[in-house]
Amino acid sequence: MSAAELEKLIGPLVELDSAELVHLTYAKEGSKFVLRVFLDKEGGITLDDCSYFSDRIGAMLDAMKTIDRSYILEVSSPGLDRVIKKEKDFVRFAGKTVKIRLKLPDQGQRNFTGILKGFQDGKVLVECEGRPKEFAHSAIEEVRIDSTTEVEKRL
């Protein structure tokens, strides 16, 4: 089963408990398969939340016999440097400093850092070095909040 298929199963389950599936990875690491589920909710995810959701997700996947091999399930918070993937999150985190990695270089550059301005017409809007810049969502490999910059702002 692919990560995208697992997202479609797990997302609605965690939403029943007012949480959000932020990101999910499912890959072979060494000789084992690891399913990592990153969740968030208002007020943040606690260790007790991780344990609760791990039990719920594991029970559902096992009952449905979704994964046909032995795997390790890890449930955690997305952390300070969380991945931003969904349109609503680009709006929610506007004003934050983000790091963007493109699938292919733009004018010889794949990595950008800037202030997230939002999302419009399928494009991520960012201010890089004082200038507005747009990236097609489909051209982006990953966007993460720059936690080092965010921590420095708080100090």
N, C-alpha and C. Protein backbone atom coordinates (compact mmCIF):
# COMPACT_ATOMS: atom_id res chain seq x y z
N MET A 1 0.85 -1.19 0.00
CA MET A 1 0.00 0.00 0.00
C MET A 1 0.89 1.24 0.00
N SER A 2 0.51 2.22 -0.78
CA SER A 2 1.31 3.45 -0.90
C SER A 2 1.01 4.41 0.25
N ALA A 3 1.91 5.37 0.43
CA ALA A 3 1.73 6.41 1.45
C ALA A 3 0.45 7.21 1.17
N ALA A 4 0.17 7.50 -0.09
CA ALA A 4 -1.04 8.26 -0.44
C ALA A 4 -2.30 7.49 -0.06
N GLU A 5 -2.30 6.19 -0.28
CA GLU A 5 -3.46 5.37 0.10
C GLU A 5 -3.62 5.31 1.62
N LEU A 6 -2.49 5.23 2.32
CA LEU A 6 -2.54 5.22 3.78
C LEU A 6 -3.08 6.55 4.32
N GLU A 7 -2.67 7.66 3.68
CA GLU A 7 -3.18 8.97 4.09
C GLU A 7 -4.70 9.03 4.00
N LYS A 8 -5.25 8.46 2.93
CA LYS A 8 -6.70 8.47 2.73
C LYS A 8 -7.43 7.68 3.81
N LEU A 9 -6.79 6.67 4.36
CA LEU A 9 -7.40 5.87 5.43
C LEU A 9 -7.23 6.53 6.80
N ILE A 10 -6.03 7.02 7.06
CA ILE A 10 -5.70 7.53 8.39
C ILE A 10 -6.27 8.93 8.63
N GLY A 11 -6.28 9.77 7.60
CA GLY A 11 -6.77 11.15 7.75
C GLY A 11 -8.14 11.23 8.39
N PRO A 12 -9.15 10.56 7.83
CA PRO A 12 -10.49 10.64 8.42
C PRO A 12 -10.56 10.08 9.84
N LEU A 13 -9.76 9.06 10.13
CA LEU A 13 -9.77 8.48 11.48
C LEU A 13 -9.31 9.50 12.53
N VAL A 14 -8.21 10.19 12.27
CA VAL A 14 -7.71 11.15 13.25
C VAL A 14 -8.59 12.40 13.32
N GLU A 15 -9.25 12.74 12.19
CA GLU A 15 -10.15 13.89 12.20
C GLU A 15 -11.35 13.67 13.11
N LEU A 16 -11.73 12.42 13.33
CA LEU A 16 -12.84 12.12 14.26
C LEU A 16 -12.53 12.61 15.67
N ASP A 17 -11.24 12.69 16.00
CA ASP A 17 -10.81 13.16 17.32
C ASP A 17 -10.21 14.56 17.24
N SER A 18 -10.65 15.34 16.27
CA SER A 18 -10.25 16.74 16.11
C SER A 18 -8.74 16.92 15.93
N ALA A 19 -8.11 15.97 15.28
CA ALA A 19 -6.69 16.11 14.95
C ALA A 19 -6.55 16.18 13.44
N GLU A 20 -5.36 16.48 13.00
CA GLU A 20 -5.10 16.63 11.57
C GLU A 20 -3.88 15.80 11.20
N LEU A 21 -3.99 15.07 10.11
CA LEU A 21 -2.85 14.36 9.56
C LEU A 21 -2.03 15.37 8.76
N VAL A 22 -0.84 15.68 9.26
CA VAL A 22 0.00 16.68 8.62
C VAL A 22 0.84 16.06 7.52
N HIS A 23 1.42 14.91 7.83
CA HIS A 23 2.37 14.29 6.91
C HIS A 23 2.49 12.82 7.28
N LEU A 24 2.79 12.00 6.29
CA LEU A 24 2.93 10.57 6.52
C LEU A 24 4.01 10.04 5.60
N THR A 25 4.85 9.16 6.12
CA THR A 25 5.82 8.47 5.29
C THR A 25 5.73 6.98 5.56
N TYR A 26 5.93 6.20 4.53
CA TYR A 26 5.95 4.74 4.66
C TYR A 26 7.06 4.24 3.77
N ALA A 27 8.12 3.71 4.38
CA ALA A 27 9.28 3.31 3.60
C ALA A 27 10.05 2.21 4.31
N LYS A 28 10.84 1.51 3.53
CA LYS A 28 11.71 0.49 4.07
C LYS A 28 12.97 1.17 4.60
N GLU A 29 13.31 0.86 5.84
CA GLU A 29 14.52 1.40 6.45
C GLU A 29 15.32 0.20 6.96
N GLY A 30 16.41 -0.07 6.31
CA GLY A 30 17.17 -1.28 6.63
C GLY A 30 16.34 -2.48 6.24
N SER A 31 16.11 -3.36 7.20
CA SER A 31 15.33 -4.57 6.91
C SER A 31 13.86 -4.43 7.33
N LYS A 32 13.48 -3.27 7.86
CA LYS A 32 12.11 -3.07 8.37
C LYS A 32 11.37 -1.99 7.60
N PHE A 33 10.05 -2.10 7.62
CA PHE A 33 9.21 -1.05 7.06
C PHE A 33 8.74 -0.16 8.21
N VAL A 34 8.76 1.17 7.99
CA VAL A 34 8.38 2.12 9.03
C VAL A 34 7.29 3.04 8.48
N LEU A 35 6.20 3.12 9.23
CA LEU A 35 5.11 4.05 8.93
C LEU A 35 5.18 5.17 9.95
N ARG A 36 5.50 6.38 9.48
CA ARG A 36 5.58 7.54 10.38
C ARG A 36 4.39 8.44 10.09
N VAL A 37 3.67 8.76 11.13
CA VAL A 37 2.47 9.58 11.02
C VAL A 37 2.68 10.82 11.88
N PHE A 38 2.57 11.99 11.26
CA PHE A 38 2.75 13.26 11.96
C PHE A 38 1.40 13.93 12.09
N LEU A 39 0.98 14.19 13.32
CA LEU A 39 -0.34 14.74 13.61
C LEU A 39 -0.22 16.08 14.31
N ASP A 40 -1.27 16.87 14.18
CA ASP A 40 -1.35 18.14 14.90
C ASP A 40 -2.79 18.36 15.31
N LYS A 41 -2.99 19.21 16.28
CA LYS A 41 -4.32 19.62 16.70
C LYS A 41 -4.19 20.94 17.42
N GLU A 42 -5.30 21.59 17.63
CA GLU A 42 -5.26 22.86 18.34
C GLU A 42 -4.65 22.63 19.72
N GLY A 43 -3.67 23.44 20.06
CA GLY A 43 -2.98 23.28 21.33
C GLY A 43 -1.79 22.34 21.25
N GLY A 44 -1.61 21.67 20.12
CA GLY A 44 -0.47 20.78 19.93
C GLY A 44 -0.75 19.35 20.33
N ILE A 45 0.14 18.47 19.94
CA ILE A 45 0.04 17.04 20.21
C ILE A 45 0.92 16.70 21.42
N THR A 46 0.36 15.98 22.37
CA THR A 46 1.10 15.56 23.55
C THR A 46 1.57 14.11 23.39
N LEU A 47 2.39 13.66 24.31
CA LEU A 47 2.84 12.27 24.31
C LEU A 47 1.65 11.33 24.49
N ASP A 48 0.70 11.71 25.35
CA ASP A 48 -0.50 10.90 25.54
C ASP A 48 -1.32 10.82 24.24
N ASP A 49 -1.39 11.94 23.51
CA ASP A 49 -2.08 11.93 22.21
C ASP A 49 -1.41 10.96 21.25
N CYS A 50 -0.08 10.98 21.22
CA CYS A 50 0.66 10.08 20.32
C CYS A 50 0.35 8.63 20.65
N SER A 51 0.33 8.30 21.91
CA SER A 51 0.02 6.93 22.34
C SER A 51 -1.41 6.55 21.94
N TYR A 52 -2.35 7.45 22.20
CA TYR A 52 -3.75 7.21 21.87
C TYR A 52 -3.93 6.97 20.37
N PHE A 53 -3.36 7.87 19.55
CA PHE A 53 -3.52 7.74 18.10
C PHE A 53 -2.76 6.54 17.55
N SER A 54 -1.63 6.21 18.14
CA SER A 54 -0.90 5.03 17.72
C SER A 54 -1.76 3.78 17.91
N ASP A 55 -2.43 3.68 19.06
CA ASP A 55 -3.32 2.54 19.32
C ASP A 55 -4.46 2.50 18.30
N ARG A 56 -5.08 3.65 18.05
CA ARG A 56 -6.22 3.72 17.13
C ARG A 56 -5.82 3.40 15.69
N ILE A 57 -4.74 4.00 15.25
CA ILE A 57 -4.29 3.80 13.88
C ILE A 57 -3.84 2.35 13.68
N GLY A 58 -3.03 1.85 14.61
CA GLY A 58 -2.55 0.46 14.52
C GLY A 58 -3.69 -0.54 14.50
N ALA A 59 -4.69 -0.34 15.38
CA ALA A 59 -5.83 -1.25 15.43
C ALA A 59 -6.62 -1.24 14.12
N MET A 60 -6.81 -0.04 13.56
CA MET A 60 -7.55 0.06 12.30
C MET A 60 -6.79 -0.63 11.16
N LEU A 61 -5.50 -0.34 11.04
CA LEU A 61 -4.72 -0.93 9.96
C LEU A 61 -4.64 -2.45 10.09
N ASP A 62 -4.51 -2.93 11.32
CA ASP A 62 -4.44 -4.38 11.55
C ASP A 62 -5.79 -5.04 11.25
N ALA A 63 -6.87 -4.41 11.69
CA ALA A 63 -8.21 -4.98 11.47
C ALA A 63 -8.55 -5.04 9.98
N MET A 64 -8.11 -4.03 9.24
CA MET A 64 -8.38 -3.98 7.81
C MET A 64 -7.36 -4.78 7.00
N LYS A 65 -6.32 -5.27 7.68
CA LYS A 65 -5.23 -5.99 7.01
C LYS A 65 -4.68 -5.15 5.84
N THR A 66 -4.51 -3.87 6.13
CA THR A 66 -4.09 -2.90 5.12
C THR A 66 -2.64 -3.10 4.69
N ILE A 67 -1.78 -3.38 5.65
CA ILE A 67 -0.36 -3.56 5.36
C ILE A 67 -0.05 -5.04 5.51
N ASP A 68 0.43 -5.64 4.44
CA ASP A 68 0.59 -7.09 4.40
C ASP A 68 1.97 -7.58 4.86
N ARG A 69 2.67 -6.77 5.62
CA ARG A 69 3.98 -7.17 6.14
C ARG A 69 4.16 -6.56 7.52
N SER A 70 5.15 -7.01 8.22
CA SER A 70 5.48 -6.46 9.53
C SER A 70 5.97 -5.02 9.34
N TYR A 71 5.57 -4.12 10.22
CA TYR A 71 5.98 -2.72 10.12
C TYR A 71 6.05 -2.10 11.51
N ILE A 72 6.75 -1.00 11.59
CA ILE A 72 6.84 -0.22 12.82
C ILE A 72 6.00 1.03 12.61
N LEU A 73 5.12 1.33 13.57
CA LEU A 73 4.28 2.52 13.51
C LEU A 73 4.82 3.55 14.48
N GLU A 74 5.11 4.73 13.98
CA GLU A 74 5.55 5.85 14.81
C GLU A 74 4.58 7.01 14.62
N VAL A 75 4.06 7.53 15.72
CA VAL A 75 3.15 8.67 15.67
C VAL A 75 3.78 9.80 16.47
N SER A 76 3.85 10.98 15.87
CA SER A 76 4.45 12.11 16.59
C SER A 76 3.88 13.43 16.09
N SER A 77 4.30 14.48 16.74
CA SER A 77 3.94 15.84 16.33
C SER A 77 4.82 16.21 15.15
N PRO A 78 4.40 17.16 14.33
CA PRO A 78 5.23 17.56 13.19
C PRO A 78 6.44 18.38 13.60
N GLY A 79 6.49 18.84 14.84
CA GLY A 79 7.63 19.61 15.33
C GLY A 79 7.60 21.06 14.88
N LEU A 80 8.59 21.79 15.33
CA LEU A 80 8.67 23.21 14.99
C LEU A 80 8.95 23.44 13.51
N ASP A 81 9.66 22.51 12.90
CA ASP A 81 10.00 22.65 11.48
C ASP A 81 9.07 21.82 10.60
N ARG A 82 7.79 21.91 10.91
CA ARG A 82 6.80 21.08 10.24
C ARG A 82 6.75 21.31 8.74
N VAL A 83 6.37 20.27 8.06
CA VAL A 83 6.15 20.32 6.61
C VAL A 83 4.82 21.02 6.36
N ILE A 84 4.78 21.84 5.33
CA ILE A 84 3.54 22.50 4.92
C ILE A 84 3.20 21.96 3.54
N LYS A 85 2.03 21.33 3.42
CA LYS A 85 1.65 20.71 2.15
C LYS A 85 0.31 21.19 1.62
N LYS A 86 -0.62 21.44 2.53
CA LYS A 86 -1.99 21.72 2.14
C LYS A 86 -2.21 23.23 1.94
N GLU A 87 -3.10 23.54 1.01
CA GLU A 87 -3.41 24.94 0.70
C GLU A 87 -3.78 25.71 1.96
N LYS A 88 -4.62 25.14 2.81
CA LYS A 88 -5.05 25.85 4.02
C LYS A 88 -3.88 26.14 4.96
N ASP A 89 -2.85 25.28 4.94
CA ASP A 89 -1.69 25.52 5.79
C ASP A 89 -0.81 26.64 5.27
N PHE A 90 -0.77 26.82 3.95
CA PHE A 90 -0.02 27.94 3.40
C PHE A 90 -0.65 29.27 3.84
N VAL A 91 -1.95 29.27 4.00
CA VAL A 91 -2.66 30.46 4.48
C VAL A 91 -2.46 30.58 6.00
N ARG A 92 -2.63 29.48 6.71
CA ARG A 92 -2.51 29.45 8.18
C ARG A 92 -1.14 29.94 8.66
N PHE A 93 -0.08 29.56 7.95
CA PHE A 93 1.27 29.89 8.40
C PHE A 93 1.86 31.09 7.67
N ALA A 94 1.02 31.87 7.01
CA ALA A 94 1.50 33.10 6.36
C ALA A 94 2.18 33.97 7.42
N GLY A 95 3.30 34.56 7.04
CA GLY A 95 4.07 35.38 7.97
C GLY A 95 5.25 34.64 8.58
N LYS A 96 5.24 33.32 8.48
CA LYS A 96 6.35 32.50 9.01
C LYS A 96 7.46 32.42 7.98
N THR A 97 8.67 32.25 8.46
CA THR A 97 9.81 32.01 7.58
C THR A 97 9.80 30.54 7.19
N VAL A 98 9.94 30.28 5.89
CA VAL A 98 9.91 28.91 5.38
C VAL A 98 11.13 28.63 4.52
N LYS A 99 11.44 27.33 4.45
CA LYS A 99 12.47 26.84 3.54
C LYS A 99 11.75 26.03 2.46
N ILE A 100 12.06 26.35 1.22
CA ILE A 100 11.42 25.69 0.08
C ILE A 100 12.48 24.95 -0.72
N ARG A 101 12.18 23.69 -1.05
CA ARG A 101 13.05 22.91 -1.93
C ARG A 101 12.23 22.53 -3.15
N LEU A 102 12.72 22.93 -4.31
CA LEU A 102 12.03 22.66 -5.57
C LEU A 102 12.45 21.30 -6.13
N LYS A 103 11.59 20.73 -6.95
CA LYS A 103 11.90 19.47 -7.63
C LYS A 103 13.03 19.68 -8.63
N LEU A 104 12.97 20.80 -9.35
CA LEU A 104 13.97 21.15 -10.35
C LEU A 104 14.44 22.58 -10.10
N PRO A 105 15.67 22.90 -10.47
CA PRO A 105 16.19 24.25 -10.22
C PRO A 105 15.40 25.35 -10.94
N ASP A 106 15.30 26.49 -10.28
CA ASP A 106 14.73 27.71 -10.84
C ASP A 106 15.89 28.69 -10.95
N GLN A 107 16.30 29.00 -12.16
CA GLN A 107 17.46 29.86 -12.40
C GLN A 107 18.69 29.34 -11.66
N GLY A 108 18.87 28.00 -11.72
CA GLY A 108 20.03 27.36 -11.12
C GLY A 108 19.95 27.12 -9.62
N GLN A 109 18.81 27.40 -9.02
CA GLN A 109 18.68 27.27 -7.57
C GLN A 109 17.47 26.40 -7.21
N ARG A 110 17.66 25.45 -6.27
CA ARG A 110 16.56 24.59 -5.82
C ARG A 110 16.06 24.96 -4.44
N ASN A 111 16.89 25.60 -3.62
CA ASN A 111 16.53 25.90 -2.23
C ASN A 111 16.35 27.40 -2.03
N PHE A 112 15.23 27.75 -1.39
CA PHE A 112 14.91 29.15 -1.13
C PHE A 112 14.45 29.29 0.31
N THR A 113 14.72 30.44 0.90
CA THR A 113 14.21 30.77 2.22
C THR A 113 13.52 32.12 2.09
N GLY A 114 12.35 32.24 2.71
CA GLY A 114 11.63 33.51 2.65
C GLY A 114 10.44 33.53 3.58
N ILE A 115 9.72 34.63 3.54
CA ILE A 115 8.52 34.81 4.36
C ILE A 115 7.32 34.32 3.56
N LEU A 116 6.60 33.37 4.11
CA LEU A 116 5.42 32.83 3.44
C LEU A 116 4.33 33.89 3.41
N LYS A 117 3.79 34.13 2.23
CA LYS A 117 2.74 35.15 2.07
C LYS A 117 1.37 34.54 1.81
N GLY A 118 1.33 33.25 1.46
CA GLY A 118 0.04 32.62 1.24
C GLY A 118 0.04 31.68 0.06
N PHE A 119 -1.16 31.44 -0.46
CA PHE A 119 -1.36 30.50 -1.56
C PHE A 119 -2.45 31.07 -2.46
N GLN A 120 -2.20 31.10 -3.77
CA GLN A 120 -3.19 31.64 -4.68
C GLN A 120 -3.03 31.00 -6.06
N ASP A 121 -4.14 30.56 -6.62
CA ASP A 121 -4.15 30.00 -7.98
C ASP A 121 -3.10 28.90 -8.17
N GLY A 122 -2.97 28.01 -7.19
CA GLY A 122 -2.04 26.90 -7.31
C GLY A 122 -0.58 27.27 -7.11
N LYS A 123 -0.35 28.47 -6.59
CA LYS A 123 1.02 28.94 -6.39
C LYS A 123 1.26 29.33 -4.94
N VAL A 124 2.46 28.99 -4.46
CA VAL A 124 2.91 29.38 -3.13
C VAL A 124 3.56 30.75 -3.26
N LEU A 125 3.09 31.69 -2.45
CA LEU A 125 3.58 33.06 -2.50
C LEU A 125 4.57 33.29 -1.36
N VAL A 126 5.76 33.78 -1.71
CA VAL A 126 6.83 33.95 -0.74
C VAL A 126 7.53 35.28 -1.02
N GLU A 127 8.04 35.89 0.03
CA GLU A 127 8.90 37.06 -0.13
C GLU A 127 10.32 36.61 0.15
N CYS A 128 11.16 36.62 -0.86
CA CYS A 128 12.57 36.22 -0.75
C CYS A 128 13.45 37.44 -0.93
N GLU A 129 14.25 37.72 0.07
CA GLU A 129 15.17 38.86 0.03
C GLU A 129 14.46 40.14 -0.36
N GLY A 130 13.27 40.34 0.21
CA GLY A 130 12.51 41.56 -0.01
C GLY A 130 11.72 41.63 -1.31
N ARG A 131 11.78 40.56 -2.12
CA ARG A 131 11.07 40.55 -3.40
C ARG A 131 10.03 39.44 -3.41
N PRO A 132 8.85 39.73 -3.98
CA PRO A 132 7.83 38.68 -4.08
C PRO A 132 8.25 37.60 -5.08
N LYS A 133 7.93 36.36 -4.74
CA LYS A 133 8.26 35.24 -5.61
C LYS A 133 7.10 34.25 -5.55
N GLU A 134 6.83 33.61 -6.66
CA GLU A 134 5.76 32.60 -6.74
C GLU A 134 6.36 31.28 -7.20
N PHE A 135 5.90 30.21 -6.57
CA PHE A 135 6.32 28.88 -6.98
C PHE A 135 5.07 28.05 -7.23
N ALA A 136 5.01 27.40 -8.38
CA ALA A 136 3.89 26.49 -8.65
C ALA A 136 3.95 25.37 -7.61
N HIS A 137 2.81 25.10 -7.00
CA HIS A 137 2.76 24.05 -5.96
C HIS A 137 3.28 22.73 -6.51
N SER A 138 2.99 22.45 -7.75
CA SER A 138 3.42 21.19 -8.38
C SER A 138 4.94 21.12 -8.58
N ALA A 139 5.63 22.27 -8.56
CA ALA A 139 7.07 22.30 -8.75
C ALA A 139 7.85 22.16 -7.45
N ILE A 140 7.12 22.13 -6.33
CA ILE A 140 7.76 22.11 -5.02
C ILE A 140 7.91 20.68 -4.50
N GLU A 141 9.12 20.36 -4.07
CA GLU A 141 9.36 19.06 -3.43
C GLU A 141 8.94 19.11 -1.97
N GLU A 142 9.31 20.21 -1.27
CA GLU A 142 8.98 20.30 0.15
C GLU A 142 9.04 21.75 0.62
N VAL A 143 8.12 22.09 1.53
CA VAL A 143 8.14 23.38 2.22
C VAL A 143 8.10 23.08 3.71
N ARG A 144 9.02 23.69 4.46
CA ARG A 144 9.07 23.51 5.91
C ARG A 144 9.18 24.87 6.58
N ILE A 145 8.58 24.96 7.77
CA ILE A 145 8.79 26.16 8.58
C ILE A 145 10.24 26.15 9.02
N ASP A 146 10.90 27.29 8.93
CA ASP A 146 12.29 27.42 9.36
C ASP A 146 12.29 27.64 10.87
N SER A 147 12.44 26.56 11.62
CA SER A 147 12.33 26.63 13.08
C SER A 147 13.43 27.47 13.70
N THR A 148 14.61 27.52 13.09
CA THR A 148 15.71 28.32 13.69
C THR A 148 15.34 29.79 13.66
N THR A 149 14.77 30.24 12.58
CA THR A 149 14.37 31.65 12.47
C THR A 149 13.22 31.94 13.41
N GLU A 150 12.26 31.02 13.52
CA GLU A 150 11.10 31.22 14.39
C GLU A 150 11.53 31.27 15.85
N VAL A 151 12.48 30.45 16.27
CA VAL A 151 12.96 30.47 17.65
C VAL A 151 13.70 31.77 17.91
N GLU A 152 14.51 32.22 16.95
CA GLU A 152 15.23 33.49 17.12
C GLU A 152 14.27 34.66 17.29
N LYS A 153 13.13 34.65 16.59
CA LYS A 153 12.14 35.72 16.70
C LYS A 153 11.58 35.80 18.12
N ARG A 154 11.47 34.65 18.78
CA ARG A 154 10.87 34.61 20.13
C ARG A 154 11.83 35.10 21.20
N LEU A 155 13.14 35.06 20.90
CA LEU A 155 14.15 35.45 21.91
C LEU A 155 14.32 36.93 22.03
